Amino acid sequence: MSILEGCRGPHKTPIPEERRCPACGEEVEVFTVRGRIVAESVCECGYVFNEKEPYVSPGLQKIFDEAKKRAEEDG
């Protein structure tokens, strides 16, 4: 059925999403398709969210941080 959806299918239509700026911590609206940024967005502080910038969801980042902490504790 996805072939018949054309440009407006759920996997092609950009969706506004709030992301936290890594420089200042402000919420910034970016447009994404399936979690990837599809247009550059600029924060008030000047930080630019690039199209090709990798994104790690907050939940996944928490898992990475916990694993890193355990690895450092274990040596």
N, C-alpha and C. Protein backbone atom coordinates (compact mmCIF):
# COMPACT_ATOMS: atom_id res chain seq x y z
N MET A 1 0.81 -1.19 0.00
CA MET A 1 0.00 0.00 0.00
C MET A 1 0.86 1.26 0.00
N SER A 2 2.10 1.16 0.46
CA SER A 2 2.94 2.36 0.55
C SER A 2 3.25 2.96 -0.81
N ILE A 3 3.22 2.18 -1.86
CA ILE A 3 3.49 2.71 -3.19
C ILE A 3 2.40 3.70 -3.59
N LEU A 4 1.18 3.45 -3.17
CA LEU A 4 0.06 4.31 -3.53
C LEU A 4 -0.02 5.57 -2.68
N GLU A 5 0.77 5.68 -1.62
CA GLU A 5 0.69 6.83 -0.74
C GLU A 5 1.36 8.06 -1.32
N GLY A 6 2.30 7.90 -2.22
CA GLY A 6 2.96 9.02 -2.86
C GLY A 6 3.76 9.85 -1.88
N CYS A 7 3.84 11.16 -2.13
CA CYS A 7 4.66 12.06 -1.33
C CYS A 7 4.11 12.29 0.07
N ARG A 8 2.85 12.04 0.27
CA ARG A 8 2.23 12.34 1.55
C ARG A 8 2.17 11.13 2.49
N GLY A 9 2.86 10.08 2.14
CA GLY A 9 2.89 8.91 3.00
C GLY A 9 3.55 9.23 4.34
N PRO A 10 3.29 8.45 5.39
CA PRO A 10 3.83 8.76 6.71
C PRO A 10 5.35 8.68 6.78
N HIS A 11 5.98 8.01 5.84
CA HIS A 11 7.44 7.89 5.86
C HIS A 11 8.12 8.95 5.00
N LYS A 12 7.33 9.86 4.41
CA LYS A 12 7.91 10.90 3.56
C LYS A 12 7.52 12.30 4.02
N THR A 13 6.47 12.42 4.80
CA THR A 13 6.00 13.73 5.24
C THR A 13 6.78 14.20 6.45
N PRO A 14 7.44 15.36 6.37
CA PRO A 14 8.18 15.88 7.53
C PRO A 14 7.24 16.18 8.70
N ILE A 15 7.69 15.84 9.89
CA ILE A 15 6.91 16.02 11.11
C ILE A 15 7.68 16.95 12.03
N PRO A 16 7.02 17.99 12.57
CA PRO A 16 7.71 18.85 13.53
C PRO A 16 7.97 18.08 14.83
N GLU A 17 9.16 18.24 15.37
CA GLU A 17 9.55 17.53 16.58
C GLU A 17 10.40 18.46 17.45
N GLU A 18 10.22 18.39 18.74
CA GLU A 18 11.01 19.20 19.67
C GLU A 18 12.29 18.45 20.02
N ARG A 19 13.42 19.14 19.87
CA ARG A 19 14.72 18.58 20.28
C ARG A 19 15.40 19.58 21.19
N ARG A 20 16.18 19.08 22.13
CA ARG A 20 16.90 19.94 23.07
C ARG A 20 18.25 20.33 22.47
N CYS A 21 18.54 21.61 22.50
CA CYS A 21 19.80 22.12 21.97
C CYS A 21 20.94 21.65 22.87
N PRO A 22 21.97 21.03 22.30
CA PRO A 22 23.10 20.57 23.12
C PRO A 22 23.96 21.71 23.64
N ALA A 23 23.86 22.89 23.04
CA ALA A 23 24.68 24.02 23.46
C ALA A 23 24.06 24.77 24.64
N CYS A 24 22.75 25.05 24.57
CA CYS A 24 22.13 25.88 25.61
C CYS A 24 20.99 25.19 26.36
N GLY A 25 20.49 24.08 25.85
CA GLY A 25 19.44 23.34 26.54
C GLY A 25 18.02 23.77 26.19
N GLU A 26 17.85 24.75 25.30
CA GLU A 26 16.52 25.20 24.90
C GLU A 26 15.87 24.16 23.98
N GLU A 27 14.53 24.15 23.98
CA GLU A 27 13.78 23.30 23.07
C GLU A 27 13.73 23.99 21.71
N VAL A 28 14.02 23.23 20.64
CA VAL A 28 14.02 23.76 19.28
C VAL A 28 13.15 22.86 18.42
N GLU A 29 12.31 23.46 17.58
CA GLU A 29 11.48 22.68 16.68
C GLU A 29 12.28 22.35 15.42
N VAL A 30 12.36 21.07 15.11
CA VAL A 30 13.03 20.62 13.89
C VAL A 30 12.04 19.75 13.11
N PHE A 31 12.26 19.63 11.83
CA PHE A 31 11.40 18.79 11.00
C PHE A 31 12.12 17.50 10.69
N THR A 32 11.44 16.38 10.97
CA THR A 32 12.05 15.08 10.80
C THR A 32 11.18 14.16 9.96
N VAL A 33 11.82 13.17 9.36
CA VAL A 33 11.15 12.06 8.70
C VAL A 33 11.77 10.81 9.28
N ARG A 34 10.97 10.04 9.99
CA ARG A 34 11.43 8.81 10.64
C ARG A 34 12.60 9.07 11.59
N GLY A 35 12.57 10.21 12.29
CA GLY A 35 13.58 10.52 13.28
C GLY A 35 14.80 11.26 12.77
N ARG A 36 14.95 11.38 11.45
CA ARG A 36 16.10 12.09 10.87
C ARG A 36 15.70 13.51 10.51
N ILE A 37 16.56 14.45 10.83
CA ILE A 37 16.31 15.84 10.50
C ILE A 37 16.39 16.00 8.98
N VAL A 38 15.37 16.67 8.40
CA VAL A 38 15.34 16.83 6.95
C VAL A 38 15.57 18.28 6.51
N ALA A 39 15.61 19.21 7.46
CA ALA A 39 15.89 20.61 7.14
C ALA A 39 16.66 21.23 8.30
N GLU A 40 17.62 22.08 7.97
CA GLU A 40 18.40 22.72 9.03
C GLU A 40 17.51 23.61 9.88
N SER A 41 17.75 23.59 11.19
CA SER A 41 17.05 24.46 12.13
C SER A 41 18.11 25.13 12.98
N VAL A 42 17.87 26.38 13.35
CA VAL A 42 18.85 27.15 14.12
C VAL A 42 18.24 27.53 15.47
N CYS A 43 19.00 27.28 16.53
CA CYS A 43 18.59 27.66 17.88
C CYS A 43 18.88 29.15 18.07
N GLU A 44 18.23 29.76 19.06
CA GLU A 44 18.46 31.17 19.37
C GLU A 44 19.92 31.44 19.72
N CYS A 45 20.61 30.44 20.29
CA CYS A 45 22.01 30.62 20.68
C CYS A 45 22.96 30.53 19.48
N GLY A 46 22.43 30.11 18.32
CA GLY A 46 23.25 30.01 17.12
C GLY A 46 23.61 28.60 16.72
N TYR A 47 23.31 27.61 17.57
CA TYR A 47 23.61 26.22 17.23
C TYR A 47 22.73 25.79 16.05
N VAL A 48 23.31 25.09 15.09
CA VAL A 48 22.58 24.65 13.90
C VAL A 48 22.38 23.14 13.96
N PHE A 49 21.12 22.71 13.86
CA PHE A 49 20.80 21.29 13.73
C PHE A 49 20.89 20.97 12.25
N ASN A 50 21.90 20.19 11.86
CA ASN A 50 22.13 19.86 10.45
C ASN A 50 21.30 18.67 10.02
N GLU A 51 21.06 18.59 8.72
CA GLU A 51 20.30 17.48 8.16
C GLU A 51 20.96 16.14 8.43
N LYS A 52 22.27 16.09 8.33
CA LYS A 52 22.98 14.81 8.42
C LYS A 52 23.48 14.52 9.83
N GLU A 53 23.07 15.32 10.79
CA GLU A 53 23.52 15.13 12.16
C GLU A 53 22.89 13.86 12.75
N PRO A 54 23.71 12.98 13.29
CA PRO A 54 23.14 11.78 13.90
C PRO A 54 22.31 12.13 15.13
N TYR A 55 21.25 11.37 15.36
CA TYR A 55 20.38 11.64 16.50
C TYR A 55 20.24 10.38 17.33
N VAL A 56 20.40 10.53 18.62
CA VAL A 56 20.19 9.43 19.55
C VAL A 56 19.05 9.85 20.47
N SER A 57 17.99 9.04 20.50
CA SER A 57 16.84 9.38 21.33
C SER A 57 17.26 9.45 22.80
N PRO A 58 16.55 10.24 23.61
CA PRO A 58 16.91 10.36 25.03
C PRO A 58 16.95 9.02 25.76
N GLY A 59 16.04 8.11 25.43
CA GLY A 59 16.03 6.80 26.07
C GLY A 59 17.26 5.99 25.73
N LEU A 60 17.64 6.01 24.46
CA LEU A 60 18.82 5.29 24.03
C LEU A 60 20.08 5.93 24.59
N GLN A 61 20.11 7.27 24.67
CA GLN A 61 21.26 7.97 25.24
C GLN A 61 21.45 7.57 26.70
N LYS A 62 20.34 7.39 27.43
CA LYS A 62 20.41 6.97 28.83
C LYS A 62 21.06 5.59 28.94
N ILE A 63 20.70 4.69 28.04
CA ILE A 63 21.28 3.35 28.05
C ILE A 63 22.78 3.43 27.77
N PHE A 64 23.18 4.25 26.78
CA PHE A 64 24.60 4.43 26.47
C PHE A 64 25.36 4.98 27.67
N ASP A 65 24.78 5.99 28.33
CA ASP A 65 25.43 6.61 29.48
C ASP A 65 25.60 5.62 30.63
N GLU A 66 24.57 4.80 30.88
CA GLU A 66 24.66 3.79 31.95
C GLU A 66 25.72 2.75 31.63
N ALA A 67 25.80 2.32 30.36
CA ALA A 67 26.80 1.33 29.96
C ALA A 67 28.20 1.92 30.10
N LYS A 68 28.37 3.18 29.73
CA LYS A 68 29.68 3.83 29.85
C LYS A 68 30.08 3.93 31.32
N LYS A 69 29.13 4.28 32.18
CA LYS A 69 29.39 4.40 33.62
C LYS A 69 29.82 3.05 34.19
N ARG A 70 29.12 1.97 33.81
CA ARG A 70 29.46 0.62 34.29
C ARG A 70 30.84 0.21 33.81
N ALA A 71 31.16 0.53 32.55
CA ALA A 71 32.47 0.18 32.01
C ALA A 71 33.58 0.91 32.75
N GLU A 72 33.34 2.18 33.10
CA GLU A 72 34.34 2.93 33.83
C GLU A 72 34.52 2.40 35.25
N GLU A 73 33.41 1.97 35.87
CA GLU A 73 33.49 1.41 37.22
C GLU A 73 34.21 0.08 37.23
N ASP A 74 33.98 -0.73 36.20
CA ASP A 74 34.60 -2.05 36.12
C ASP A 74 36.07 -1.99 35.71
N GLY A 75 36.43 -0.89 35.09
CA GLY A 75 37.82 -0.70 34.69
C GLY A 75 38.10 -1.32 33.44
